[in-house]
Amino acid sequence: MVVVGAGIAGVACAAELHRAGVPVQIRERARVPGGRMASRRFDGRPADTGAAYLTVSDPDFAAVVDRWRAAGLVREWTDTFVAYGADGRREVPGPMRWAAPRGLRSLVEHLARELPVTVDRLVLGVEPGPVVDGTPCAAVALAMPGPQAALLLDPALTAATRATQAQRWSPSLAAVLRFPARRWPRFRGAFVNDHPVLGLVCDDGDRRGDDAPVLVAHTTPGFAAGHLAQPTAAGPAVEEAVRDLLGLPEPAELVHVHRWTYAKPTARPAGTYHLDADGVGLAGDAFGPPRVQSAWRSGRDLGRALVERLS
């Protein structure tokens, strides 16, 4: 059994198979697990460049979060963001957001600690059988956005191809901005409404708990769409927008921009996963609201379905 993709959906899927005694391999094209729960280190300090936080409403996912908390990997962050818009700045209450002091990627790594993960392993194709890169396997799970999964699928795998086509995605850029000092009005996270560049800004020093003068800004889909070919070139515009929003006099010392071509699902198929008669499964947050919890539940549910089929 092969799982392609070591984000939280792929790891949750593989964990169910491993727990049931089903031999499983995880193949990940990146250098580390994590997927869109990505973190990157700058001078030894992590900053979250993918998902901004996680929320919890599913009892089973709550049990996972409790284990992360017991391991010192997550903490309650805030239930209140601010919103900037035409009516100024106001507080917006909501669900408790959880943050990871070592970066959200550390949570995926914790789930994968007993699983066989091969990183830097690019999968080139899935053929009927299923056959993964020329090797037959009992089944294959593609834990990634549908457009990426579609590139791997043989045209003969029509059911899986149709499932990928049912998904729609919007892009975003995530910009890490490190300033000389913390000079902005106190906030934890900010929704930015009706802005040409910004959609969300998070105080990463507050989120991490070390008060570092670091902000992470997530752009609007429209702005990102115009900069996917050269995301780094968008850095000055994002930095200027953040400084203007928060009234910051000094420029950022560091600006790093990460491109997410498939950042957020905007249309999704029914159910929490896809598994067809060809033995091809799809999982991820496309099968639910765009949340970490949705991706975990999708992978978990696909893993359980695969255990039942392969047992």
Foldseek 3Di string as FASTA:
>chain_A
DEEEALALLSLLLQLLCVVLVHDYEYEAQAPAHHVQLDWDDDPRAIDGFGDPFFFDDDPVVVVLVVVCVVVVFKDFFDQWFWEQDPVGIDIDGHGTTMFGLRGSSVSSCVSCVPPHYDYSGDWQAFEFCGATNNHHDPFYEYEDQLVVVLRRYDVVVPVSNVQNVQWDFFKKKKKKFAAPAADFDDGAKYAYPPDQWFGIKGQRCSRNVNRGRIMITITDRVVLVVCVVPQVVCFVVVQVVVCVSGVPDDGTPDIDMDIDRGRAIDGADEDLWDADPSRYIYHALSHDHRGPVSRSVSSNVNSVVVSVVVD
